[in-house]
Amino acid sequence: MKKRDWRFAISILLLIFLPITAILEFIQAQLELRKFVPHRYFAYITINLAAIHVLLNWKRFLHYFSGSKKTNEKEFLLTLLLFLS
């Protein structure tokens, strides 16, 4: 697999695992389950996927903070809006 394929796969997995982890956390909180194993394992997987995602996209991340400030501000605001939506 190419690096681009890995980035795509990790991003899709994050899109799948983040809501599942949040839903399991909600279930755990509502039912007051102290040792709810599925939430714990999904959280570990999600944290590892997020770390891999950052490592694979490190150059893009650094690009936001280097170069012209006007471009960086526009890109940062666009990314922030996409993240919040």
C-alpha atoms as a PDB file:
ATOM      1  CA  MET A   1       0.000   0.000   0.000  1.00  0.00           C
ATOM      2  CA  LYS A   2       1.100   3.517  -0.712  1.00  0.00           C
ATOM      3  CA  LYS A   3       1.374   6.107   2.032  1.00  0.00           C
ATOM      4  CA  ARG A   4      -1.675   7.886   0.610  1.00  0.00           C
ATOM      5  CA  ASP A   5      -3.690   4.675   0.937  1.00  0.00           C
ATOM      6  CA  TRP A   6      -2.595   4.282   4.563  1.00  0.00           C
ATOM      7  CA  ARG A   7      -3.612   7.877   5.338  1.00  0.00           C
ATOM      8  CA  PHE A   8      -7.008   7.281   3.764  1.00  0.00           C
ATOM      9  CA  ALA A   9      -7.546   3.988   5.606  1.00  0.00           C
ATOM     10  CA  ILE A  10      -6.565   5.455   8.981  1.00  0.00           C
ATOM     11  CA  SER A  11      -8.844   8.454   8.423  1.00  0.00           C
ATOM     12  CA  ILE A  12     -11.798   6.199   7.587  1.00  0.00           C
ATOM     13  CA  LEU A  13     -11.106   4.030  10.629  1.00  0.00           C
ATOM     14  CA  LEU A  14     -11.019   7.143  12.819  1.00  0.00           C
ATOM     15  CA  LEU A  15     -14.368   8.230  11.396  1.00  0.00           C
ATOM     16  CA  ILE A  16     -15.756   4.835  12.379  1.00  0.00           C
ATOM     17  CA  PHE A  17     -14.139   4.414  15.793  1.00  0.00           C
ATOM     18  CA  LEU A  18     -14.681   7.947  17.176  1.00  0.00           C
ATOM     19  CA  PRO A  19     -18.503   7.817  17.194  1.00  0.00           C
ATOM     20  CA  ILE A  20     -18.526   4.222  18.454  1.00  0.00           C
ATOM     21  CA  THR A  21     -16.260   5.207  21.354  1.00  0.00           C
ATOM     22  CA  ALA A  22     -18.463   8.208  22.152  1.00  0.00           C
ATOM     23  CA  ILE A  23     -21.635   6.112  22.075  1.00  0.00           C
ATOM     24  CA  LEU A  24     -20.076   3.479  24.316  1.00  0.00           C
ATOM     25  CA  GLU A  25     -18.982   6.215  26.743  1.00  0.00           C
ATOM     26  CA  PHE A  26     -22.537   7.530  26.837  1.00  0.00           C
ATOM     27  CA  ILE A  27     -23.880   4.034  27.536  1.00  0.00           C
ATOM     28  CA  GLN A  28     -21.272   3.541  30.245  1.00  0.00           C
ATOM     29  CA  ALA A  29     -22.173   6.859  31.904  1.00  0.00           C
ATOM     30  CA  GLN A  30     -25.937   6.324  31.703  1.00  0.00           C
ATOM     31  CA  LEU A  31     -25.844   2.793  33.087  1.00  0.00           C
ATOM     32  CA  GLU A  32     -23.095   3.658  35.589  1.00  0.00           C
ATOM     33  CA  LEU A  33     -20.935   0.752  34.504  1.00  0.00           C
ATOM     34  CA  ARG A  34     -17.582   0.973  36.226  1.00  0.00           C
ATOM     35  CA  LYS A  35     -15.750  -1.707  34.269  1.00  0.00           C
ATOM     36  CA  PHE A  36     -17.250  -1.501  30.794  1.00  0.00           C
ATOM     37  CA  VAL A  37     -14.605  -3.269  28.736  1.00  0.00           C
ATOM     38  CA  PRO A  38     -15.802  -2.463  25.170  1.00  0.00           C
ATOM     39  CA  HIS A  39     -15.485   1.280  25.780  1.00  0.00           C
ATOM     40  CA  ARG A  40     -11.985   0.880  27.163  1.00  0.00           C
ATOM     41  CA  TYR A  41     -10.733  -1.136  24.185  1.00  0.00           C
ATOM     42  CA  PHE A  42     -12.385   1.134  21.617  1.00  0.00           C
ATOM     43  CA  ALA A  43     -10.767   4.111  23.373  1.00  0.00           C
ATOM     44  CA  TYR A  44      -7.323   2.476  23.193  1.00  0.00           C
ATOM     45  CA  ILE A  45      -7.780   1.725  19.498  1.00  0.00           C
ATOM     46  CA  THR A  46      -9.015   5.264  18.811  1.00  0.00           C
ATOM     47  CA  ILE A  47      -6.050   6.840  20.624  1.00  0.00           C
ATOM     48  CA  ASN A  48      -3.613   4.679  18.656  1.00  0.00           C
ATOM     49  CA  LEU A  49      -5.351   5.485  15.366  1.00  0.00           C
ATOM     50  CA  ALA A  50      -5.180   9.191  16.182  1.00  0.00           C
ATOM     51  CA  ALA A  51      -1.450   8.935  16.929  1.00  0.00           C
ATOM     52  CA  ILE A  52      -0.821   7.079  13.660  1.00  0.00           C
ATOM     53  CA  HIS A  53      -2.937   9.655  11.821  1.00  0.00           C
ATOM     54  CA  VAL A  54      -0.814  12.499  13.201  1.00  0.00           C
ATOM     55  CA  LEU A  55       2.419  10.678  12.335  1.00  0.00           C
ATOM     56  CA  LEU A  56       1.303   9.989   8.767  1.00  0.00           C
ATOM     57  CA  ASN A  57       0.185  13.599   8.277  1.00  0.00           C
ATOM     58  CA  TRP A  58       3.049  15.270  10.161  1.00  0.00           C
ATOM     59  CA  LYS A  59       4.359  17.177   7.127  1.00  0.00           C
ATOM     60  CA  ARG A  60       0.896  18.544   6.407  1.00  0.00           C
ATOM     61  CA  PHE A  61       0.539  19.515  10.039  1.00  0.00           C
ATOM     62  CA  LEU A  62       3.842  21.393   9.953  1.00  0.00           C
ATOM     63  CA  HIS A  63       2.792  23.086   6.712  1.00  0.00           C
ATOM     64  CA  TYR A  64       0.003  24.860   8.620  1.00  0.00           C
ATOM     65  CA  PHE A  65       2.586  26.536  10.859  1.00  0.00           C
ATOM     66  CA  SER A  66       5.185  27.419   8.250  1.00  0.00           C
ATOM     67  CA  GLY A  67       5.075  29.634   5.190  1.00  0.00           C
ATOM     68  CA  SER A  68       2.889  32.697   4.771  1.00  0.00           C
ATOM     69  CA  LYS A  69       0.594  33.540   7.664  1.00  0.00           C
ATOM     70  CA  LYS A  70      -2.346  34.538   5.453  1.00  0.00           C
ATOM     71  CA  THR A  71      -2.461  31.150   3.786  1.00  0.00           C
ATOM     72  CA  ASN A  72      -2.025  29.391   7.102  1.00  0.00           C
ATOM     73  CA  GLU A  73      -4.856  31.327   8.716  1.00  0.00           C
ATOM     74  CA  LYS A  74      -7.219  30.492   5.855  1.00  0.00           C
ATOM     75  CA  GLU A  75      -6.264  26.824   5.900  1.00  0.00           C
ATOM     76  CA  PHE A  76      -6.488  26.671   9.678  1.00  0.00           C
ATOM     77  CA  LEU A  77      -9.929  28.294   9.747  1.00  0.00           C
ATOM     78  CA  LEU A  78     -11.184  25.996   6.997  1.00  0.00           C
ATOM     79  CA  THR A  79      -9.862  22.955   8.856  1.00  0.00           C
ATOM     80  CA  LEU A  80     -11.395  24.179  12.097  1.00  0.00           C
ATOM     81  CA  LEU A  81     -14.778  24.704  10.431  1.00  0.00           C
ATOM     82  CA  LEU A  82     -14.657  21.222   8.895  1.00  0.00           C
ATOM     83  CA  PHE A  83     -13.700  19.762  12.249  1.00  0.00           C
ATOM     84  CA  LEU A  84     -16.528  21.525  14.092  1.00  0.00           C
ATOM     85  CA  SER A  85     -19.197  20.598  11.552  1.00  0.00           C
END
